Amino acid sequence: MKVFAFALTCYAAFLLAILGGILFFAIGVDHGPSAPFVPAVAMDLALLGVFAVQHTVMARRGFKALLKRFVPPEAERSLFVLAASASLLLVYWQWRPLPQTVWSAGGAPAAALWVLFAAGWLTVVGSTFMIDHFDLFGLRQGWLALRRLPYTPPSFQEKWLYAHVRHPLMTGFLIALWATPRMTFGHLLFATASTGYIALGVWFEERDLLREIPAYAAYRARVGAVVPHLRRRPGLRSQDDEGVPGPRMAGGVQGPG
């Protein structure tokens, strides 16, 4: 019962972080405690660094193995979700705005950018349900523990957006980061740093997946990382061919850990 209650609490923290993220990028990134330019940049980069370190370190296999010595294995995922959500909420809370305008759009272009922004967040949330949303965020593990049933991880599978890009959740984040009718320096700093971290995180995750899943190399050669390949490479099977698996959320890129 305790593990499931903990999983529910962590999932609530995730929902708060997601809703906070949507509001933060829509209106909050340019509001908050003011600070001189250089200290503000230093503070914002430090906040992003806290999230990057937490997310990267806790997603690694060695840290997970160490963590399971101190917490029940079925609670490890939920603990990651809680830590990731807390680090994001810290960013939203302590972010120092840099409101200088880089670009600004109005009228139809602004409306199109808001549509892209919404599409990005829909892609983020939707891609988690295309495989196993509740396993990704620890609820399934807690529910199985409550029922005293053994845990088996979701299968490595290819469907929906995962048949076209390997990391659709990251695709959604990138769209949401950059689609704004008013790009300020603070927003640009967040978007640029986050894009760099996504690239690094994808590299870390795929290194693990190549080691753990033999079929992943062929999948990576055939399917684009965050945008679809314009042309299928010759000699590789399509996603409809029998026996070709697709991606499962893993590592710390497709989701939190």
Protein backbone atom coordinates (compact mmCIF):
# COMPACT_ATOMS: atom_id res chain seq x y z
CA MET A 1 0.00 0.00 0.00
CA LYS A 2 2.84 2.41 0.85
CA VAL A 3 4.52 1.92 -2.52
CA PHE A 4 1.30 2.57 -4.41
CA ALA A 5 0.55 5.67 -2.33
CA PHE A 6 4.08 6.90 -3.04
CA ALA A 7 3.57 6.23 -6.77
CA LEU A 8 0.34 8.25 -6.74
CA THR A 9 2.10 11.13 -4.99
CA CYS A 10 4.93 11.12 -7.50
CA TYR A 11 2.50 10.98 -10.40
CA ALA A 12 0.68 14.02 -8.99
CA ALA A 13 4.04 15.81 -8.88
CA PHE A 14 4.57 14.91 -12.55
CA LEU A 15 1.17 16.31 -13.51
CA LEU A 16 1.99 19.53 -11.66
CA ALA A 17 5.35 19.75 -13.46
CA ILE A 18 3.76 19.22 -16.89
CA LEU A 19 1.02 21.78 -16.32
CA GLY A 20 3.59 24.14 -14.85
CA GLY A 21 5.79 23.65 -17.91
CA ILE A 22 2.99 24.57 -20.30
CA LEU A 23 2.22 27.75 -18.33
CA PHE A 24 5.91 28.54 -17.88
CA PHE A 25 6.66 28.48 -21.61
CA ALA A 26 3.41 30.23 -22.51
CA ILE A 27 3.68 33.15 -20.07
CA GLY A 28 6.06 32.50 -17.16
CA VAL A 29 9.48 32.42 -18.79
CA ASP A 30 9.49 36.22 -18.98
CA HIS A 31 8.11 36.82 -15.48
CA GLY A 32 9.73 36.42 -12.10
CA PRO A 33 12.33 37.99 -9.81
CA SER A 34 14.49 40.41 -11.77
CA ALA A 35 18.28 40.33 -11.66
CA PRO A 36 21.18 41.93 -13.55
CA PHE A 37 21.95 40.25 -16.87
CA VAL A 38 25.06 38.26 -15.97
CA PRO A 39 23.81 36.97 -12.57
CA ALA A 40 20.47 36.08 -14.21
CA VAL A 41 22.19 34.05 -16.93
CA ALA A 42 24.37 32.31 -14.34
CA MET A 43 21.36 31.50 -12.15
CA ASP A 44 19.30 30.18 -15.06
CA LEU A 45 22.11 27.98 -16.34
CA ALA A 46 22.69 26.63 -12.82
CA LEU A 47 19.00 25.72 -12.52
CA LEU A 48 19.06 23.94 -15.87
CA GLY A 49 22.26 22.20 -14.78
CA VAL A 50 20.55 20.82 -11.68
CA PHE A 51 17.86 19.24 -13.84
CA ALA A 52 20.37 17.92 -16.38
CA VAL A 53 22.56 16.28 -13.74
CA GLN A 54 19.63 14.78 -11.87
CA HIS A 55 18.01 13.47 -15.03
CA THR A 56 21.19 12.06 -16.56
CA VAL A 57 22.69 10.47 -13.43
CA MET A 58 19.48 8.88 -12.15
CA ALA A 59 18.73 7.42 -15.58
CA ARG A 60 21.94 5.40 -15.74
CA ARG A 61 21.90 1.67 -14.99
CA GLY A 62 24.64 1.87 -12.37
CA PHE A 63 22.81 4.49 -10.32
CA LYS A 64 19.54 2.57 -10.58
CA ALA A 65 21.25 -0.56 -9.27
CA LEU A 66 22.71 1.43 -6.37
CA LEU A 67 19.38 3.07 -5.60
CA LYS A 68 17.60 -0.26 -5.40
CA ARG A 69 19.77 -1.14 -2.39
CA PHE A 70 17.95 1.56 -0.43
CA VAL A 71 14.45 1.72 -1.92
CA PRO A 72 12.08 -1.04 -3.08
CA PRO A 73 12.68 -1.81 -6.76
CA GLU A 74 9.03 -1.11 -7.57
CA ALA A 75 9.44 2.43 -6.16
CA GLU A 76 12.61 3.32 -8.08
CA ARG A 77 10.78 4.68 -11.11
CA SER A 78 8.45 6.79 -8.98
CA LEU A 79 11.40 8.23 -7.08
CA PHE A 80 12.96 9.26 -10.38
CA VAL A 81 9.70 10.91 -11.45
CA LEU A 82 9.52 12.79 -8.15
CA ALA A 83 13.12 14.02 -8.41
CA ALA A 84 12.69 15.09 -12.04
CA SER A 85 9.42 16.89 -11.26
CA ALA A 86 10.95 18.64 -8.26
CA SER A 87 13.94 19.85 -10.28
CA LEU A 88 11.63 21.21 -12.99
CA LEU A 89 9.44 22.99 -10.44
CA LEU A 90 12.59 24.50 -8.97
CA VAL A 91 13.47 25.86 -12.43
CA TYR A 92 10.01 27.41 -12.84
CA TRP A 93 10.11 28.91 -9.35
CA GLN A 94 13.59 30.41 -9.37
CA TRP A 95 13.97 31.30 -13.06
CA ARG A 96 15.31 34.80 -13.65
CA PRO A 97 13.65 36.42 -16.68
CA LEU A 98 15.67 38.00 -19.48
CA PRO A 99 12.89 39.87 -21.31
CA GLN A 100 14.91 41.42 -24.14
CA THR A 101 13.12 40.55 -27.40
CA VAL A 102 14.90 38.42 -30.01
CA TRP A 103 11.93 38.18 -32.37
CA SER A 104 8.24 38.97 -32.23
CA ALA A 105 5.35 37.96 -34.48
CA GLY A 106 1.73 39.04 -34.68
CA GLY A 107 -1.41 38.18 -36.58
CA ALA A 108 -1.52 34.93 -38.53
CA PRO A 109 2.17 34.00 -37.89
CA ALA A 110 1.62 34.36 -34.14
CA ALA A 111 -1.51 32.19 -34.31
CA ALA A 112 0.39 29.54 -36.30
CA LEU A 113 3.16 29.50 -33.69
CA TRP A 114 0.62 29.04 -30.88
CA VAL A 115 -0.88 26.12 -32.81
CA LEU A 116 2.61 24.61 -33.12
CA PHE A 117 3.16 25.17 -29.40
CA ALA A 118 -0.03 23.27 -28.57
CA ALA A 119 0.86 20.53 -31.07
CA GLY A 120 4.25 20.12 -29.40
CA TRP A 121 2.73 19.55 -25.97
CA LEU A 122 0.10 17.19 -27.42
CA THR A 123 2.95 15.21 -28.97
CA VAL A 124 4.79 15.11 -25.64
CA VAL A 125 1.78 13.76 -23.76
CA GLY A 126 0.43 11.61 -26.58
CA SER A 127 3.71 9.81 -27.22
CA THR A 128 3.75 8.55 -23.62
CA PHE A 129 0.40 6.82 -24.22
CA MET A 130 1.62 5.24 -27.48
CA ILE A 131 3.55 2.69 -25.43
CA ASP A 132 2.94 2.54 -21.65
CA HIS A 133 2.28 5.88 -19.96
CA PHE A 134 1.62 4.40 -16.52
CA ASP A 135 4.77 2.29 -16.53
CA LEU A 136 6.85 5.28 -17.62
CA PHE A 137 5.69 7.30 -14.63
CA GLY A 138 5.76 4.52 -12.04
CA LEU A 139 2.05 3.92 -11.45
CA ARG A 140 2.02 0.45 -12.99
CA GLN A 141 4.88 -0.66 -10.76
CA GLY A 142 3.07 0.62 -7.67
CA TRP A 143 -0.21 -1.00 -8.70
CA LEU A 144 1.45 -4.37 -9.25
CA ALA A 145 3.17 -4.07 -5.87
CA LEU A 146 -0.20 -3.34 -4.23
CA ARG A 147 -1.64 -6.50 -5.80
CA ARG A 148 1.54 -8.46 -4.97
CA LEU A 149 2.09 -9.31 -8.63
CA PRO A 150 5.51 -9.60 -10.29
CA TYR A 151 6.68 -6.75 -12.49
CA THR A 152 7.63 -7.30 -16.13
CA PRO A 153 8.82 -4.32 -18.21
CA PRO A 154 6.87 -3.38 -21.35
CA SER A 155 8.05 -4.97 -24.56
CA PHE A 156 10.24 -3.13 -27.03
CA GLN A 157 7.73 -2.23 -29.74
CA GLU A 158 7.21 0.01 -32.73
CA LYS A 159 3.90 1.73 -33.33
CA TRP A 160 2.29 5.10 -33.98
CA LEU A 161 4.87 7.90 -33.97
CA TYR A 162 7.58 5.44 -32.91
CA ALA A 163 7.37 3.91 -36.37
CA HIS A 164 8.56 7.22 -37.81
CA VAL A 165 10.85 8.77 -35.17
CA ARG A 166 12.76 7.13 -32.36
CA HIS A 167 12.14 9.88 -29.81
CA PRO A 168 8.75 11.51 -30.51
CA LEU A 169 8.55 12.83 -26.96
CA MET A 170 11.71 14.81 -27.61
CA THR A 171 10.28 15.97 -30.94
CA GLY A 172 7.31 17.38 -29.05
CA PHE A 173 9.54 19.10 -26.51
CA LEU A 174 11.64 20.72 -29.24
CA ILE A 175 8.53 22.06 -30.98
CA ALA A 176 7.15 23.42 -27.69
CA LEU A 177 10.50 25.00 -26.82
CA TRP A 178 10.92 26.92 -30.07
CA ALA A 179 7.34 27.67 -31.18
CA THR A 180 6.62 31.06 -29.62
CA PRO A 181 5.37 34.31 -31.15
CA ARG A 182 7.71 36.28 -28.87
CA MET A 183 11.20 34.91 -28.37
CA THR A 184 13.00 36.69 -25.55
CA PHE A 185 16.61 36.19 -24.56
CA GLY A 186 15.54 34.17 -21.53
CA HIS A 187 13.34 31.91 -23.64
CA LEU A 188 16.17 31.55 -26.17
CA LEU A 189 18.59 30.61 -23.38
CA PHE A 190 16.20 27.94 -22.10
CA ALA A 191 15.47 26.59 -25.58
CA THR A 192 19.12 26.49 -26.64
CA ALA A 193 20.37 24.85 -23.45
CA SER A 194 17.52 22.33 -23.47
CA THR A 195 18.12 21.45 -27.12
CA GLY A 196 21.76 20.77 -26.33
CA TYR A 197 20.79 18.61 -23.38
CA ILE A 198 18.27 16.67 -25.48
CA ALA A 199 21.00 15.90 -28.03
CA LEU A 200 23.34 14.73 -25.25
CA GLY A 201 20.60 12.74 -23.56
CA VAL A 202 19.65 10.98 -26.79
CA TRP A 203 23.28 9.97 -27.22
CA PHE A 204 23.45 8.54 -23.68
CA GLU A 205 20.19 6.66 -24.06
CA GLU A 206 20.96 5.20 -27.42
CA ARG A 207 24.35 4.01 -26.22
CA ASP A 208 22.50 2.01 -23.53
CA LEU A 209 19.85 0.75 -25.96
CA LEU A 210 22.43 -0.44 -28.48
CA ARG A 211 24.09 -2.43 -25.73
CA GLU A 212 20.89 -3.87 -24.29
CA ILE A 213 18.73 -4.50 -27.39
CA PRO A 214 20.33 -6.24 -30.40
CA ALA A 215 17.61 -5.08 -32.83
CA TYR A 216 18.05 -1.41 -31.95
CA ALA A 217 20.93 -0.81 -34.39
CA ALA A 218 18.74 -1.70 -37.39
CA TYR A 219 15.89 0.37 -35.99
CA ARG A 220 18.18 3.38 -35.53
CA ALA A 221 19.50 3.06 -39.08
CA ARG A 222 15.98 3.00 -40.50
CA VAL A 223 14.11 5.51 -38.33
CA GLY A 224 15.09 9.12 -37.65
CA ALA A 225 15.86 10.34 -34.14
CA VAL A 226 13.52 13.33 -33.84
CA VAL A 227 12.47 13.87 -37.48
CA PRO A 228 11.53 11.14 -39.97
CA HIS A 229 14.02 10.04 -42.61
CA LEU A 230 12.95 11.50 -45.94
CA ARG A 231 13.77 8.24 -47.69
CA ARG A 232 13.98 4.74 -46.29
CA ARG A 233 17.46 3.32 -46.49
CA PRO A 234 17.75 0.39 -48.91
CA GLY A 235 18.17 -3.11 -47.60
CA LEU A 236 16.34 -2.49 -44.32
CA ARG A 237 12.99 -3.98 -43.41
CA SER A 238 9.94 -1.80 -42.88
CA GLN A 239 8.20 -1.55 -39.55
CA ASP A 240 5.47 -3.85 -40.84
CA ASP A 241 7.87 -6.73 -41.45
CA GLU A 242 7.43 -9.61 -39.05
CA GLY A 243 9.79 -9.70 -36.12
CA VAL A 244 10.99 -6.12 -36.21
CA PRO A 245 10.63 -4.60 -32.74
CA GLY A 246 10.32 -0.93 -32.01
CA PRO A 247 11.28 1.34 -29.16
CA ARG A 248 10.22 1.21 -25.60
CA MET A 249 10.70 4.27 -23.40
CA ALA A 250 14.00 3.79 -21.66
CA GLY A 251 17.05 5.60 -20.37
CA GLY A 252 16.43 9.24 -19.55
CA VAL A 253 15.43 10.69 -22.88
CA GLN A 254 12.03 9.37 -23.89
CA GLY A 255 10.84 10.03 -20.45
CA PRO A 256 12.16 10.55 -17.01
CA GLY A 257 14.62 7.76 -16.63
